[in-house]
Amino acid sequence: DILGRTAVTPKQNLLRKNITNKNILITGAGGSIGAELSRQIKKLKPNKIILYDNSEFNLYSIHQELTIGNGIEVLPVLATVTNYKQLDNIISEHDIHTIYHAAAYKHVPMVEMNIIEGVFNNVIGTYYVAKAAHENEVENMVLISTDKAVRPANVMGASKRFSELILQALANEQSTTCFSMVRFGNVLDSAGSVVPLFRKQITEGGPVTVTHRSITRYFMSIPEAVQLVLQAGAMAKGGDVFVLDMGEPVRILDLAYKMIHLSGLQPIDNDNPDGDIAIQ
């Protein structure tokens, strides 16, 4: 209902190609994208999954969820991508075939306020993952990037563009690793995105706050985003950037109205001054 379109269905043979019977490393495995990646990868019957995250609670949560059933080895590694030696050890020790690099600081205002840490984590962290992949002859590495990397207007976007350039430079060096990147728009219901914020504001009785009445955004669902990542890695030739066709952009004001209606409530506006939830 919120997307305003039907979900894009994946091609199953592409999903399985880099995963079935292989050893997989997911960095940032406890985040909203990393966790869904971990769930979908487990269903595709890999040999082993390494969950790599620097948030103890996020790592604990996804590890607890994935250790139930079907006998696939799932190992949690509490570590940061800015520790090259540890990354290198994990990749060689577990004979990793495919890496999904989702670990990053992604909140635009937070990275603006913590520029050095944001750039160190996003740029140097990606460099270390890519370098370790290259040196250990990992078959595939997929970077989770963002549409904010296109002509970046903020530090977060610039750090992700820098990360893409690192992978493209390594791809040009005739690396045995196939490097590719996937750019997301806004992922519906991911941590810190607009949908959980609006949901919280509606639950608390409003108002729902919209920055500007004309703002539009492209949206995709978390499963769509993850299926895009898995398929992109399978289609990649090396150095490619993939983007999902996300249909028409959604006006954020319309999204606010829609979410109020879907919650069984009425927005307060000129037509309905006695409604339940105000939009500011």
Protein backbone atom coordinates (compact mmCIF):
# COMPACT_ATOMS: atom_id res chain seq x y z
CA ASP A 1 0.00 0.00 0.00
CA ILE A 2 2.75 2.47 0.92
CA LEU A 3 4.98 1.71 -2.10
CA GLY A 4 2.10 2.49 -4.46
CA ARG A 5 3.21 -0.37 -6.74
CA THR A 6 3.56 -4.16 -6.70
CA ALA A 7 6.81 -5.62 -5.34
CA VAL A 8 9.51 -6.56 -7.87
CA THR A 9 9.90 -10.35 -7.95
CA PRO A 10 13.41 -11.85 -8.01
CA LYS A 11 14.93 -14.46 -10.35
CA GLN A 12 15.61 -17.55 -8.23
CA ASN A 13 18.62 -18.83 -10.26
CA LEU A 14 20.39 -15.48 -9.72
CA LEU A 15 19.66 -15.55 -5.99
CA ARG A 16 21.29 -18.97 -5.57
CA LYS A 17 24.36 -18.51 -7.76
CA ASN A 18 26.83 -17.01 -5.24
CA ILE A 19 25.30 -18.53 -2.10
CA THR A 20 24.22 -22.17 -2.30
CA ASN A 21 26.92 -24.45 -0.78
CA LYS A 22 29.29 -21.46 -0.30
CA ASN A 23 30.81 -19.69 2.71
CA ILE A 24 29.31 -16.23 3.16
CA LEU A 25 30.51 -13.19 5.14
CA ILE A 26 28.00 -10.41 5.92
CA THR A 27 29.43 -7.24 7.47
CA GLY A 28 26.93 -5.10 9.38
CA ALA A 29 24.87 -8.29 9.72
CA GLY A 30 22.81 -6.89 12.60
CA GLY A 31 21.52 -3.77 10.78
CA SER A 32 18.13 -3.66 9.04
CA ILE A 33 19.61 -4.55 5.60
CA GLY A 34 22.29 -6.89 7.01
CA ALA A 35 19.75 -8.83 9.08
CA GLU A 36 17.37 -9.33 6.14
CA LEU A 37 20.37 -10.34 3.97
CA SER A 38 21.28 -12.90 6.63
CA ARG A 39 17.71 -14.31 6.72
CA GLN A 40 17.38 -14.61 2.95
CA ILE A 41 20.88 -16.05 2.53
CA LYS A 42 20.16 -18.75 5.10
CA LYS A 43 17.10 -19.88 3.07
CA LEU A 44 19.35 -20.31 0.00
CA LYS A 45 21.34 -23.07 1.77
CA PRO A 46 24.90 -21.80 2.01
CA ASN A 47 27.57 -23.92 3.65
CA LYS A 48 28.37 -21.35 6.37
CA ILE A 49 27.37 -17.79 7.32
CA ILE A 50 29.69 -15.43 9.22
CA LEU A 51 27.73 -12.59 10.85
CA TYR A 52 30.14 -9.66 11.38
CA ASP A 53 28.99 -6.63 13.38
CA ASN A 54 30.32 -4.12 15.93
CA SER A 55 26.99 -3.78 17.78
CA GLU A 56 26.82 -6.50 20.43
CA PHE A 57 23.03 -6.34 20.79
CA ASN A 58 22.32 -6.35 17.02
CA LEU A 59 24.70 -9.27 16.55
CA TYR A 60 23.15 -11.18 19.46
CA SER A 61 19.62 -10.61 18.05
CA ILE A 62 20.33 -11.84 14.51
CA HIS A 63 22.47 -14.75 15.74
CA GLN A 64 19.67 -15.92 18.08
CA GLU A 65 17.18 -15.73 15.22
CA LEU A 66 19.34 -17.62 12.69
CA THR A 67 20.60 -20.45 14.90
CA ILE A 68 17.13 -22.04 14.91
CA GLY A 69 16.72 -24.94 12.47
CA ASN A 70 18.14 -26.37 9.20
CA GLY A 71 21.70 -27.15 10.37
CA ILE A 72 23.62 -24.36 8.56
CA GLU A 73 26.67 -23.18 10.51
CA VAL A 74 26.11 -19.57 11.66
CA LEU A 75 28.99 -17.85 13.49
CA PRO A 76 28.77 -14.40 15.12
CA VAL A 77 31.91 -12.25 15.02
CA LEU A 78 31.87 -9.13 17.22
CA ALA A 79 34.32 -6.88 15.37
CA THR A 80 34.74 -3.73 13.32
CA VAL A 81 35.61 -3.49 9.61
CA THR A 82 38.33 -0.97 10.51
CA ASN A 83 40.40 -3.83 12.05
CA TYR A 84 42.19 -5.19 8.97
CA LYS A 85 44.03 -8.03 10.70
CA GLN A 86 40.84 -9.46 12.17
CA LEU A 87 39.00 -9.20 8.83
CA ASP A 88 41.87 -10.89 7.01
CA ASN A 89 42.00 -13.72 9.58
CA ILE A 90 38.23 -14.36 9.43
CA ILE A 91 38.18 -14.42 5.59
CA SER A 92 41.13 -16.81 5.28
CA GLU A 93 40.20 -19.04 8.24
CA HIS A 94 36.63 -19.61 6.98
CA ASP A 95 37.54 -19.78 3.28
CA ILE A 96 34.95 -17.11 2.36
CA HIS A 97 33.53 -17.21 -1.20
CA THR A 98 31.14 -14.24 -1.12
CA ILE A 99 31.13 -11.01 0.94
CA TYR A 100 28.14 -8.69 1.37
CA HIS A 101 29.49 -5.43 2.82
CA ALA A 102 26.58 -3.69 4.58
CA ALA A 103 28.57 -2.23 7.51
CA ALA A 104 28.46 1.58 7.39
CA TYR A 105 27.36 4.68 9.21
CA LYS A 106 24.41 5.86 7.13
CA HIS A 107 22.57 8.60 9.05
CA VAL A 108 23.26 11.85 7.20
CA PRO A 109 23.05 14.29 10.17
CA MET A 110 24.96 11.92 12.50
CA VAL A 111 27.84 11.58 10.01
CA GLU A 112 27.84 15.39 9.47
CA MET A 113 28.36 15.77 13.23
CA ASN A 114 31.02 13.01 13.39
CA ILE A 115 32.90 13.44 10.11
CA ILE A 116 36.18 11.71 11.00
CA GLU A 117 34.53 8.63 12.49
CA GLY A 118 31.99 8.46 9.63
CA VAL A 119 34.65 8.65 6.91
CA PHE A 120 37.01 6.28 8.75
CA ASN A 121 34.29 3.64 9.13
CA ASN A 122 32.79 4.00 5.64
CA VAL A 123 35.90 4.62 3.53
CA ILE A 124 38.77 2.89 5.37
CA GLY A 125 36.43 0.08 6.50
CA THR A 126 35.41 -0.58 2.88
CA TYR A 127 39.06 -0.38 1.75
CA TYR A 128 40.04 -3.01 4.32
CA VAL A 129 37.17 -5.35 3.37
CA ALA A 130 38.00 -4.97 -0.35
CA LYS A 131 41.75 -5.39 0.23
CA ALA A 132 41.20 -8.54 2.34
CA ALA A 133 38.81 -9.90 -0.34
CA HIS A 134 41.36 -9.21 -3.09
CA GLU A 135 44.31 -10.71 -1.18
CA ASN A 136 42.39 -13.83 -0.16
CA GLU A 137 40.99 -14.29 -3.69
CA VAL A 138 37.37 -14.18 -2.52
CA GLU A 139 35.08 -14.89 -5.50
CA ASN A 140 32.60 -12.00 -5.05
CA MET A 141 32.23 -8.84 -2.99
CA VAL A 142 29.09 -6.70 -3.12
CA LEU A 143 29.07 -3.22 -1.56
CA ILE A 144 25.78 -1.83 -0.28
CA SER A 145 25.86 1.78 -1.49
CA THR A 146 23.28 4.57 -1.68
CA ASP A 147 21.72 6.87 -4.25
CA LYS A 148 23.18 9.67 -2.08
CA ALA A 149 26.56 8.73 -3.63
CA VAL A 150 25.37 10.36 -6.88
CA ARG A 151 26.76 13.94 -6.95
CA PRO A 152 26.97 13.78 -3.14
CA ALA A 153 25.66 16.75 -1.17
CA ASN A 154 26.78 15.49 2.25
CA VAL A 155 29.68 13.66 3.92
CA MET A 156 27.79 10.35 4.15
CA GLY A 157 27.09 10.37 0.38
CA ALA A 158 30.69 11.39 -0.39
CA SER A 159 32.06 8.60 1.83
CA LYS A 160 29.93 6.04 -0.04
CA ARG A 161 31.05 7.38 -3.44
CA PHE A 162 34.65 7.10 -2.22
CA SER A 163 33.88 3.48 -1.23
CA GLU A 164 32.54 2.76 -4.74
CA LEU A 165 35.70 4.22 -6.32
CA ILE A 166 37.86 1.92 -4.16
CA LEU A 167 36.02 -1.16 -5.49
CA GLN A 168 36.13 0.11 -9.08
CA ALA A 169 39.88 0.75 -8.80
CA LEU A 170 40.46 -2.81 -7.53
CA ALA A 171 38.21 -4.20 -10.30
CA ASN A 172 40.44 -2.41 -12.86
CA GLU A 173 43.51 -4.17 -11.46
CA GLN A 174 42.41 -7.53 -12.91
CA SER A 175 41.57 -8.77 -9.39
CA THR A 176 40.34 -12.38 -9.18
CA THR A 177 37.54 -11.00 -6.96
CA CYS A 178 34.42 -9.77 -8.79
CA PHE A 179 33.56 -6.43 -7.15
CA SER A 180 30.12 -4.85 -7.59
CA MET A 181 27.98 -2.18 -5.94
CA VAL A 182 24.26 -1.77 -5.36
CA ARG A 183 22.75 1.66 -4.78
CA PHE A 184 19.56 1.90 -2.76
CA GLY A 185 17.03 4.65 -2.58
CA ASN A 186 15.06 4.88 0.63
CA VAL A 187 14.36 1.49 2.15
CA LEU A 188 10.89 1.35 3.71
CA ASP A 189 10.94 0.60 7.43
CA SER A 190 14.73 0.38 7.73
CA ALA A 191 16.19 1.70 11.00
CA GLY A 192 15.92 5.48 11.25
CA SER A 193 13.80 5.85 8.10
CA VAL A 194 10.59 7.87 7.76
CA VAL A 195 8.06 5.01 8.17
CA PRO A 196 9.01 4.02 11.76
CA LEU A 197 9.14 7.75 12.62
CA PHE A 198 5.63 8.39 11.24
CA ARG A 199 4.35 5.21 12.93
CA LYS A 200 5.70 6.45 16.28
CA GLN A 201 4.19 9.92 15.75
CA ILE A 202 0.78 8.40 14.86
CA THR A 203 0.88 6.07 17.91
CA GLU A 204 1.62 9.09 20.13
CA GLY A 205 -1.40 10.97 18.70
CA GLY A 206 0.55 13.23 16.31
CA PRO A 207 1.48 15.56 14.87
CA VAL A 208 3.13 13.83 11.92
CA THR A 209 5.98 16.09 10.77
CA VAL A 210 6.83 16.53 7.07
CA THR A 211 9.83 18.73 6.12
CA HIS A 212 8.23 20.20 2.96
CA ARG A 213 4.95 19.52 1.15
CA SER A 214 6.66 18.96 -2.24
CA ILE A 215 9.36 16.47 -1.15
CA THR A 216 9.30 13.17 -3.03
CA ARG A 217 11.39 10.04 -2.49
CA TYR A 218 11.84 6.70 -4.25
CA PHE A 219 11.07 3.79 -1.96
CA MET A 220 11.77 0.08 -1.94
CA SER A 221 10.93 -2.56 0.66
CA ILE A 222 13.64 -4.28 2.73
CA PRO A 223 13.11 -7.69 0.99
CA GLU A 224 13.29 -6.00 -2.45
CA ALA A 225 16.52 -4.22 -1.46
CA VAL A 226 18.09 -7.48 -0.31
CA GLN A 227 16.95 -9.48 -3.36
CA LEU A 228 18.50 -6.74 -5.52
CA VAL A 229 21.82 -7.18 -3.69
CA LEU A 230 21.80 -10.98 -4.12
CA GLN A 231 20.88 -10.81 -7.82
CA ALA A 232 23.31 -7.98 -8.59
CA GLY A 233 26.22 -9.97 -7.18
CA ALA A 234 25.29 -12.87 -9.47
CA MET A 235 25.01 -10.64 -12.59
CA ALA A 236 28.19 -8.65 -11.98
CA LYS A 237 31.17 -8.76 -14.36
CA GLY A 238 33.38 -6.56 -12.14
CA GLY A 239 33.17 -2.87 -11.22
CA ASP A 240 29.43 -2.65 -12.00
CA VAL A 241 26.95 -0.39 -10.21
CA PHE A 242 23.37 -1.68 -9.95
CA VAL A 243 20.22 0.34 -9.22
CA LEU A 244 16.64 -0.96 -8.83
CA ASP A 245 13.97 0.64 -11.00
CA MET A 246 11.73 1.87 -8.20
CA GLY A 247 8.82 3.11 -10.31
CA GLU A 248 7.39 6.54 -9.52
CA PRO A 249 8.60 8.64 -6.59
CA VAL A 250 6.27 8.87 -3.58
CA ARG A 251 5.33 12.28 -2.18
CA ILE A 252 6.17 12.24 1.54
CA LEU A 253 3.01 14.23 2.37
CA ASP A 254 0.90 11.56 0.59
CA LEU A 255 2.81 8.89 2.54
CA ALA A 256 1.87 10.63 5.81
CA TYR A 257 -1.84 10.73 4.79
CA LYS A 258 -1.73 7.09 3.69
CA MET A 259 -0.13 5.89 6.94
CA ILE A 260 -2.72 7.77 9.03
CA HIS A 261 -5.55 6.14 7.00
CA LEU A 262 -3.89 2.69 7.21
CA SER A 263 -3.78 3.13 11.01
CA GLY A 264 -7.59 3.48 10.96
CA LEU A 265 -7.47 7.20 11.80
CA GLN A 266 -8.39 10.46 10.07
CA PRO A 267 -5.94 13.29 9.30
CA ILE A 268 -6.85 16.79 10.49
CA ASP A 269 -7.09 19.09 7.44
CA ASN A 270 -9.37 21.74 5.89
CA ASP A 271 -11.86 19.08 4.78
CA ASN A 272 -11.81 17.34 8.14
CA PRO A 273 -11.07 19.74 11.05
CA ASP A 274 -12.34 17.14 13.57
CA GLY A 275 -9.84 14.42 12.46
CA ASP A 276 -7.48 12.53 14.78
CA ILE A 277 -3.92 13.34 13.67
CA ALA A 278 -2.46 16.66 12.59
CA ILE A 279 0.22 16.93 9.86
CA GLN A 280 2.77 19.71 10.37
